[in-house]
Amino acid sequence: MRKLIILLTIALIVVFMAMRQRIFVRDPLATLYRGDQKVSGVHVYINFSNDVLLEENASQRMTIVQNWNKVPGTPKALTCFSGMVCWTTNDHAEMVALGGASYQPKTEMSDREVSYDDGDGSSVRITLR
C-alpha cells in the first residue's frame, strides 16, 4: 500500500509538471478591482506562469489573461473542478478577445499584479498573493 501511494504521488507530480501551463489553481487570497472598487464573488486562478483566470460568479463570465499574448479573453474550452482547479486543452488556451478589432488592453503582468483595460473601457487590476 505504501509503494502505491508513493507511485501515485510521483505520477501526480509528473502530470502537474508536464501540464503546468494548462492547470490553473485557485488563489483564495487574490483580489479583483474594477476601477478602484473591490469586486467580491470572483474566483481567481493562476498557473505556473502567473497567467490569470477569472470566474465571476454573478455573471458566470470566465476571463483569461495569458503572458504569451497579454490579450484578455474568454476561453473557448475550459474544464473546472469544484472551484479549486481548472485546466485548458492547450498550453496557449484558445479564446475570444474581449474587445473588438481596435481593442488595446494595455496589459501589464508581474508575479504580484495583473492589470488591463477590459472591452468595456474600465480598468481591471488583480492582486496576487
N, C-alpha and C. Protein backbone atom coordinates (compact mmCIF):
# COMPACT_ATOMS: atom_id res chain seq x y z
N MET A 1 0.82 -1.20 0.00
CA MET A 1 0.00 0.00 0.00
C MET A 1 0.87 1.27 0.00
N ARG A 2 1.92 1.22 0.76
CA ARG A 2 2.82 2.37 0.87
C ARG A 2 3.48 2.68 -0.48
N LYS A 3 3.90 1.64 -1.20
CA LYS A 3 4.52 1.82 -2.51
C LYS A 3 3.52 2.41 -3.51
N LEU A 4 2.27 2.00 -3.41
CA LEU A 4 1.23 2.53 -4.30
C LEU A 4 1.03 4.02 -4.08
N ILE A 5 1.00 4.44 -2.84
CA ILE A 5 0.83 5.87 -2.53
C ILE A 5 2.01 6.67 -3.04
N ILE A 6 3.21 6.14 -2.87
CA ILE A 6 4.40 6.83 -3.35
C ILE A 6 4.38 6.94 -4.87
N LEU A 7 4.01 5.85 -5.56
CA LEU A 7 3.93 5.87 -7.02
C LEU A 7 2.87 6.84 -7.52
N LEU A 8 1.72 6.88 -6.87
CA LEU A 8 0.66 7.82 -7.26
C LEU A 8 1.10 9.26 -7.04
N THR A 9 1.81 9.53 -5.96
CA THR A 9 2.31 10.88 -5.70
C THR A 9 3.31 11.31 -6.77
N ILE A 10 4.22 10.41 -7.11
CA ILE A 10 5.19 10.72 -8.16
C ILE A 10 4.50 10.94 -9.50
N ALA A 11 3.50 10.12 -9.81
CA ALA A 11 2.75 10.27 -11.06
C ALA A 11 2.03 11.61 -11.11
N LEU A 12 1.44 12.04 -10.00
CA LEU A 12 0.76 13.34 -9.95
C LEU A 12 1.74 14.48 -10.15
N ILE A 13 2.90 14.38 -9.55
CA ILE A 13 3.92 15.42 -9.71
C ILE A 13 4.35 15.52 -11.17
N VAL A 14 4.56 14.38 -11.81
CA VAL A 14 4.95 14.36 -13.23
C VAL A 14 3.87 14.98 -14.10
N VAL A 15 2.60 14.65 -13.84
CA VAL A 15 1.50 15.21 -14.62
C VAL A 15 1.42 16.72 -14.43
N PHE A 16 1.53 17.19 -13.20
CA PHE A 16 1.48 18.62 -12.94
C PHE A 16 2.64 19.36 -13.61
N MET A 17 3.82 18.76 -13.60
CA MET A 17 4.96 19.41 -14.24
C MET A 17 4.80 19.44 -15.76
N ALA A 18 4.26 18.40 -16.34
CA ALA A 18 4.08 18.35 -17.79
C ALA A 18 2.97 19.29 -18.26
N MET A 19 1.98 19.51 -17.41
CA MET A 19 0.83 20.33 -17.79
C MET A 19 0.77 21.64 -17.01
N ARG A 20 1.90 22.13 -16.55
CA ARG A 20 1.90 23.31 -15.67
C ARG A 20 1.36 24.56 -16.33
N GLN A 21 1.39 24.66 -17.66
CA GLN A 21 0.83 25.82 -18.36
C GLN A 21 -0.69 25.71 -18.46
N ARG A 22 -1.23 24.51 -18.40
CA ARG A 22 -2.66 24.28 -18.59
C ARG A 22 -3.46 24.27 -17.29
N ILE A 23 -2.82 23.96 -16.20
CA ILE A 23 -3.52 23.79 -14.92
C ILE A 23 -3.53 25.11 -14.16
N PHE A 24 -4.74 25.56 -13.82
CA PHE A 24 -4.93 26.79 -13.04
C PHE A 24 -5.47 26.41 -11.68
N VAL A 25 -4.79 26.86 -10.62
CA VAL A 25 -5.18 26.56 -9.25
C VAL A 25 -5.73 27.83 -8.62
N ARG A 26 -6.79 27.69 -7.85
CA ARG A 26 -7.43 28.86 -7.24
C ARG A 26 -6.51 29.52 -6.22
N ASP A 27 -6.48 30.85 -6.29
CA ASP A 27 -5.74 31.66 -5.34
C ASP A 27 -6.77 32.36 -4.44
N PRO A 28 -7.03 31.83 -3.25
CA PRO A 28 -8.08 32.41 -2.40
C PRO A 28 -7.74 33.79 -1.85
N LEU A 29 -6.47 34.19 -1.90
CA LEU A 29 -6.07 35.50 -1.38
C LEU A 29 -6.03 36.59 -2.45
N ALA A 30 -6.22 36.22 -3.71
CA ALA A 30 -6.19 37.21 -4.80
C ALA A 30 -7.43 38.10 -4.72
N THR A 31 -7.28 39.33 -5.19
CA THR A 31 -8.36 40.31 -5.15
C THR A 31 -8.51 40.97 -6.50
N LEU A 32 -9.75 41.20 -6.93
CA LEU A 32 -10.05 41.86 -8.19
C LEU A 32 -10.62 43.24 -7.92
N TYR A 33 -10.11 44.23 -8.66
CA TYR A 33 -10.60 45.60 -8.57
C TYR A 33 -11.03 46.05 -9.96
N ARG A 34 -12.20 46.65 -10.08
CA ARG A 34 -12.64 47.33 -11.30
C ARG A 34 -12.63 48.81 -10.98
N GLY A 35 -11.79 49.55 -11.70
CA GLY A 35 -11.56 50.94 -11.29
C GLY A 35 -10.83 50.88 -9.96
N ASP A 36 -11.39 51.53 -8.96
CA ASP A 36 -10.83 51.45 -7.61
C ASP A 36 -11.72 50.66 -6.66
N GLN A 37 -12.77 50.03 -7.20
CA GLN A 37 -13.73 49.28 -6.40
C GLN A 37 -13.34 47.82 -6.31
N LYS A 38 -13.28 47.30 -5.10
CA LYS A 38 -13.02 45.88 -4.90
C LYS A 38 -14.26 45.10 -5.31
N VAL A 39 -14.07 44.03 -6.08
CA VAL A 39 -15.19 43.22 -6.56
C VAL A 39 -15.20 41.92 -5.76
N SER A 40 -16.36 41.60 -5.19
CA SER A 40 -16.48 40.34 -4.45
C SER A 40 -17.17 39.30 -5.33
N GLY A 41 -17.09 38.07 -4.92
CA GLY A 41 -17.74 36.99 -5.66
C GLY A 41 -16.98 36.58 -6.91
N VAL A 42 -15.67 36.77 -6.92
CA VAL A 42 -14.84 36.41 -8.07
C VAL A 42 -13.79 35.40 -7.61
N HIS A 43 -13.68 34.30 -8.34
CA HIS A 43 -12.61 33.34 -8.07
C HIS A 43 -11.47 33.63 -9.02
N VAL A 44 -10.27 33.70 -8.49
CA VAL A 44 -9.07 33.96 -9.29
C VAL A 44 -8.22 32.69 -9.27
N TYR A 45 -7.83 32.27 -10.45
CA TYR A 45 -6.97 31.09 -10.60
C TYR A 45 -5.67 31.53 -11.27
N ILE A 46 -4.56 30.90 -10.90
CA ILE A 46 -3.27 31.18 -11.53
C ILE A 46 -2.60 29.86 -11.92
N ASN A 47 -1.72 29.95 -12.91
CA ASN A 47 -0.95 28.76 -13.28
C ASN A 47 0.53 29.02 -12.98
N PHE A 48 1.37 28.12 -13.43
CA PHE A 48 2.80 28.18 -13.17
C PHE A 48 3.44 29.48 -13.66
N SER A 49 2.94 30.01 -14.79
CA SER A 49 3.50 31.23 -15.40
C SER A 49 2.83 32.50 -14.91
N ASN A 50 1.99 32.41 -13.89
CA ASN A 50 1.19 33.52 -13.39
C ASN A 50 0.21 34.06 -14.42
N ASP A 51 -0.23 33.20 -15.36
CA ASP A 51 -1.37 33.54 -16.19
C ASP A 51 -2.57 33.54 -15.26
N VAL A 52 -3.58 34.35 -15.56
CA VAL A 52 -4.70 34.52 -14.65
C VAL A 52 -6.00 34.11 -15.33
N LEU A 53 -6.84 33.42 -14.57
CA LEU A 53 -8.17 33.04 -15.00
C LEU A 53 -9.16 33.56 -13.97
N LEU A 54 -10.16 34.31 -14.41
CA LEU A 54 -11.17 34.88 -13.52
C LEU A 54 -12.51 34.20 -13.75
N GLU A 55 -13.17 33.83 -12.67
CA GLU A 55 -14.52 33.28 -12.73
C GLU A 55 -15.42 34.20 -11.93
N GLU A 56 -16.25 34.95 -12.64
CA GLU A 56 -17.15 35.88 -11.97
C GLU A 56 -18.48 35.17 -11.73
N ASN A 57 -18.82 34.96 -10.47
CA ASN A 57 -20.00 34.18 -10.11
C ASN A 57 -21.30 34.83 -10.53
N ALA A 58 -21.40 36.14 -10.39
CA ALA A 58 -22.65 36.83 -10.69
C ALA A 58 -23.03 36.72 -12.17
N SER A 59 -22.06 36.91 -13.06
CA SER A 59 -22.36 36.91 -14.50
C SER A 59 -21.97 35.59 -15.17
N GLN A 60 -21.40 34.66 -14.41
CA GLN A 60 -20.93 33.38 -14.97
C GLN A 60 -19.94 33.59 -16.11
N ARG A 61 -19.18 34.68 -16.06
CA ARG A 61 -18.21 35.01 -17.11
C ARG A 61 -16.83 34.54 -16.70
N MET A 62 -16.12 33.92 -17.64
CA MET A 62 -14.74 33.48 -17.43
C MET A 62 -13.85 34.37 -18.30
N THR A 63 -12.77 34.86 -17.72
CA THR A 63 -11.80 35.68 -18.45
C THR A 63 -10.42 35.13 -18.18
N ILE A 64 -9.61 35.04 -19.25
CA ILE A 64 -8.25 34.55 -19.11
C ILE A 64 -7.28 35.59 -19.66
N VAL A 65 -6.17 35.78 -18.97
CA VAL A 65 -5.10 36.67 -19.43
C VAL A 65 -3.81 35.84 -19.38
N GLN A 66 -3.20 35.65 -20.54
CA GLN A 66 -2.00 34.82 -20.62
C GLN A 66 -0.79 35.68 -20.94
N ASN A 67 0.31 35.31 -20.38
CA ASN A 67 1.55 36.06 -20.52
C ASN A 67 2.09 36.07 -21.95
N TRP A 68 1.82 35.06 -22.73
CA TRP A 68 2.40 34.95 -24.06
C TRP A 68 1.80 35.96 -25.03
N ASN A 69 0.51 36.37 -24.87
CA ASN A 69 -0.06 37.36 -25.79
C ASN A 69 -0.64 38.58 -25.08
N LYS A 70 -0.86 38.50 -23.78
CA LYS A 70 -1.34 39.62 -22.96
C LYS A 70 -2.66 40.23 -23.44
N VAL A 71 -3.51 39.42 -24.08
CA VAL A 71 -4.82 39.88 -24.52
C VAL A 71 -5.89 39.16 -23.70
N PRO A 72 -6.67 39.88 -22.89
CA PRO A 72 -7.73 39.25 -22.12
C PRO A 72 -8.82 38.71 -23.04
N GLY A 73 -9.36 37.56 -22.68
CA GLY A 73 -10.42 36.97 -23.49
C GLY A 73 -11.18 35.92 -22.74
N THR A 74 -12.17 35.36 -23.41
CA THR A 74 -12.99 34.29 -22.87
C THR A 74 -12.48 32.97 -23.44
N PRO A 75 -12.09 32.02 -22.59
CA PRO A 75 -11.56 30.76 -23.10
C PRO A 75 -12.64 29.96 -23.83
N LYS A 76 -12.24 29.33 -24.95
CA LYS A 76 -13.18 28.52 -25.73
C LYS A 76 -13.43 27.16 -25.07
N ALA A 77 -12.39 26.55 -24.52
CA ALA A 77 -12.51 25.23 -23.89
C ALA A 77 -11.85 25.28 -22.52
N LEU A 78 -12.63 24.98 -21.50
CA LEU A 78 -12.14 25.05 -20.13
C LEU A 78 -12.92 24.06 -19.29
N THR A 79 -12.22 23.34 -18.44
CA THR A 79 -12.86 22.40 -17.53
C THR A 79 -12.47 22.80 -16.11
N CYS A 80 -13.47 22.89 -15.24
CA CYS A 80 -13.20 23.26 -13.85
C CYS A 80 -13.74 22.19 -12.91
N PHE A 81 -13.08 22.05 -11.78
CA PHE A 81 -13.47 21.07 -10.79
C PHE A 81 -13.72 21.76 -9.46
N SER A 82 -14.97 21.89 -9.11
CA SER A 82 -15.39 22.30 -7.77
C SER A 82 -14.74 23.57 -7.23
N GLY A 83 -14.52 24.57 -8.09
CA GLY A 83 -13.98 25.84 -7.63
C GLY A 83 -12.57 25.78 -7.07
N MET A 84 -11.83 24.71 -7.41
CA MET A 84 -10.47 24.57 -6.88
C MET A 84 -9.42 24.58 -7.97
N VAL A 85 -9.72 23.97 -9.10
CA VAL A 85 -8.75 23.85 -10.17
C VAL A 85 -9.47 23.86 -11.51
N CYS A 86 -8.84 24.48 -12.51
CA CYS A 86 -9.35 24.49 -13.87
C CYS A 86 -8.21 24.13 -14.81
N TRP A 87 -8.52 23.61 -15.97
CA TRP A 87 -7.48 23.33 -16.94
C TRP A 87 -7.98 23.58 -18.34
N THR A 88 -7.04 24.00 -19.19
CA THR A 88 -7.34 24.27 -20.59
C THR A 88 -6.84 23.11 -21.43
N THR A 89 -7.24 23.08 -22.70
CA THR A 89 -6.85 21.98 -23.57
C THR A 89 -5.46 22.16 -24.17
N ASN A 90 -4.95 23.39 -24.22
CA ASN A 90 -3.63 23.67 -24.78
C ASN A 90 -2.84 24.56 -23.83
N ASP A 91 -1.51 24.58 -24.02
CA ASP A 91 -0.69 25.49 -23.22
C ASP A 91 -1.08 26.94 -23.49
N HIS A 92 -1.34 27.28 -24.74
CA HIS A 92 -1.86 28.59 -25.12
C HIS A 92 -3.34 28.40 -25.40
N ALA A 93 -4.16 28.72 -24.41
CA ALA A 93 -5.60 28.47 -24.50
C ALA A 93 -6.23 29.25 -25.64
N GLU A 94 -7.11 28.57 -26.38
CA GLU A 94 -7.87 29.26 -27.42
C GLU A 94 -8.91 30.12 -26.74
N MET A 95 -9.08 31.35 -27.26
CA MET A 95 -10.01 32.27 -26.62
C MET A 95 -10.56 33.28 -27.62
N VAL A 96 -11.60 33.96 -27.18
CA VAL A 96 -12.20 35.05 -27.93
C VAL A 96 -11.85 36.33 -27.17
N ALA A 97 -11.18 37.28 -27.84
CA ALA A 97 -10.75 38.52 -27.19
C ALA A 97 -11.96 39.31 -26.70
N LEU A 98 -11.77 40.05 -25.61
CA LEU A 98 -12.87 40.82 -25.01
C LEU A 98 -13.36 41.97 -25.88
N GLY A 99 -12.46 42.70 -26.50
CA GLY A 99 -12.83 43.88 -27.27
C GLY A 99 -12.88 43.60 -28.76
N GLY A 100 -13.17 44.61 -29.52
CA GLY A 100 -13.24 44.49 -30.97
C GLY A 100 -11.88 44.55 -31.64
N ALA A 101 -11.88 44.88 -32.93
CA ALA A 101 -10.65 44.90 -33.72
C ALA A 101 -9.65 45.95 -33.22
N SER A 102 -10.14 47.05 -32.69
CA SER A 102 -9.24 48.11 -32.24
C SER A 102 -8.96 48.05 -30.73
N TYR A 103 -9.21 46.91 -30.14
CA TYR A 103 -9.04 46.72 -28.69
C TYR A 103 -7.58 46.83 -28.28
N GLN A 104 -7.27 47.73 -27.37
CA GLN A 104 -5.93 47.92 -26.82
C GLN A 104 -6.02 47.71 -25.31
N PRO A 105 -5.74 46.50 -24.81
CA PRO A 105 -5.96 46.21 -23.38
C PRO A 105 -4.96 46.84 -22.43
N LYS A 106 -3.80 47.30 -22.91
CA LYS A 106 -2.76 47.89 -22.05
C LYS A 106 -2.43 46.97 -20.87
N THR A 107 -2.21 45.72 -21.17
CA THR A 107 -1.97 44.70 -20.15
C THR A 107 -0.57 44.82 -19.56
N GLU A 108 -0.51 44.75 -18.24
CA GLU A 108 0.75 44.69 -17.52
C GLU A 108 0.66 43.50 -16.56
N MET A 109 1.69 42.64 -16.61
CA MET A 109 1.67 41.44 -15.79
C MET A 109 2.98 41.30 -15.02
N SER A 110 2.86 40.97 -13.74
CA SER A 110 4.02 40.64 -12.92
C SER A 110 3.63 39.46 -12.04
N ASP A 111 4.53 39.05 -11.17
CA ASP A 111 4.20 37.93 -10.29
C ASP A 111 3.30 38.35 -9.13
N ARG A 112 3.04 39.63 -8.97
CA ARG A 112 2.18 40.15 -7.89
C ARG A 112 0.89 40.81 -8.37
N GLU A 113 0.86 41.24 -9.64
CA GLU A 113 -0.30 42.00 -10.11
C GLU A 113 -0.48 41.87 -11.61
N VAL A 114 -1.74 41.83 -12.02
CA VAL A 114 -2.11 41.84 -13.43
C VAL A 114 -3.11 42.97 -13.60
N SER A 115 -2.89 43.82 -14.60
CA SER A 115 -3.83 44.91 -14.86
C SER A 115 -4.05 45.05 -16.36
N TYR A 116 -5.26 45.45 -16.73
CA TYR A 116 -5.62 45.65 -18.13
C TYR A 116 -6.90 46.46 -18.21
N ASP A 117 -7.19 46.96 -19.40
CA ASP A 117 -8.47 47.62 -19.67
C ASP A 117 -9.37 46.59 -20.33
N ASP A 118 -10.57 46.37 -19.77
CA ASP A 118 -11.44 45.36 -20.37
C ASP A 118 -12.14 45.92 -21.61
N GLY A 119 -12.91 45.12 -22.29
CA GLY A 119 -13.56 45.53 -23.52
C GLY A 119 -14.56 46.66 -23.35
N ASP A 120 -15.01 46.92 -22.11
CA ASP A 120 -15.98 47.99 -21.84
C ASP A 120 -15.30 49.31 -21.50
N GLY A 121 -13.97 49.32 -21.45
CA GLY A 121 -13.24 50.55 -21.17
C GLY A 121 -12.90 50.78 -19.72
N SER A 122 -13.28 49.87 -18.82
CA SER A 122 -12.93 50.07 -17.41
C SER A 122 -11.62 49.34 -17.09
N SER A 123 -10.88 49.87 -16.14
CA SER A 123 -9.61 49.26 -15.77
C SER A 123 -9.85 48.12 -14.79
N VAL A 124 -9.08 47.07 -14.95
CA VAL A 124 -9.18 45.88 -14.10
C VAL A 124 -7.78 45.64 -13.52
N ARG A 125 -7.76 45.37 -12.21
CA ARG A 125 -6.49 45.08 -11.54
C ARG A 125 -6.70 43.87 -10.64
N ILE A 126 -5.80 42.90 -10.76
CA ILE A 126 -5.86 41.70 -9.94
C ILE A 126 -4.58 41.64 -9.13
N THR A 127 -4.71 41.60 -7.82
CA THR A 127 -3.54 41.46 -6.95
C THR A 127 -3.42 39.99 -6.56
N LEU A 128 -2.23 39.44 -6.75
CA LEU A 128 -1.97 38.04 -6.42
C LEU A 128 -1.16 37.98 -5.14
N ARG A 129 -1.35 36.94 -4.36
CA ARG A 129 -0.61 36.79 -3.11
C ARG A 129 0.10 35.48 -3.05
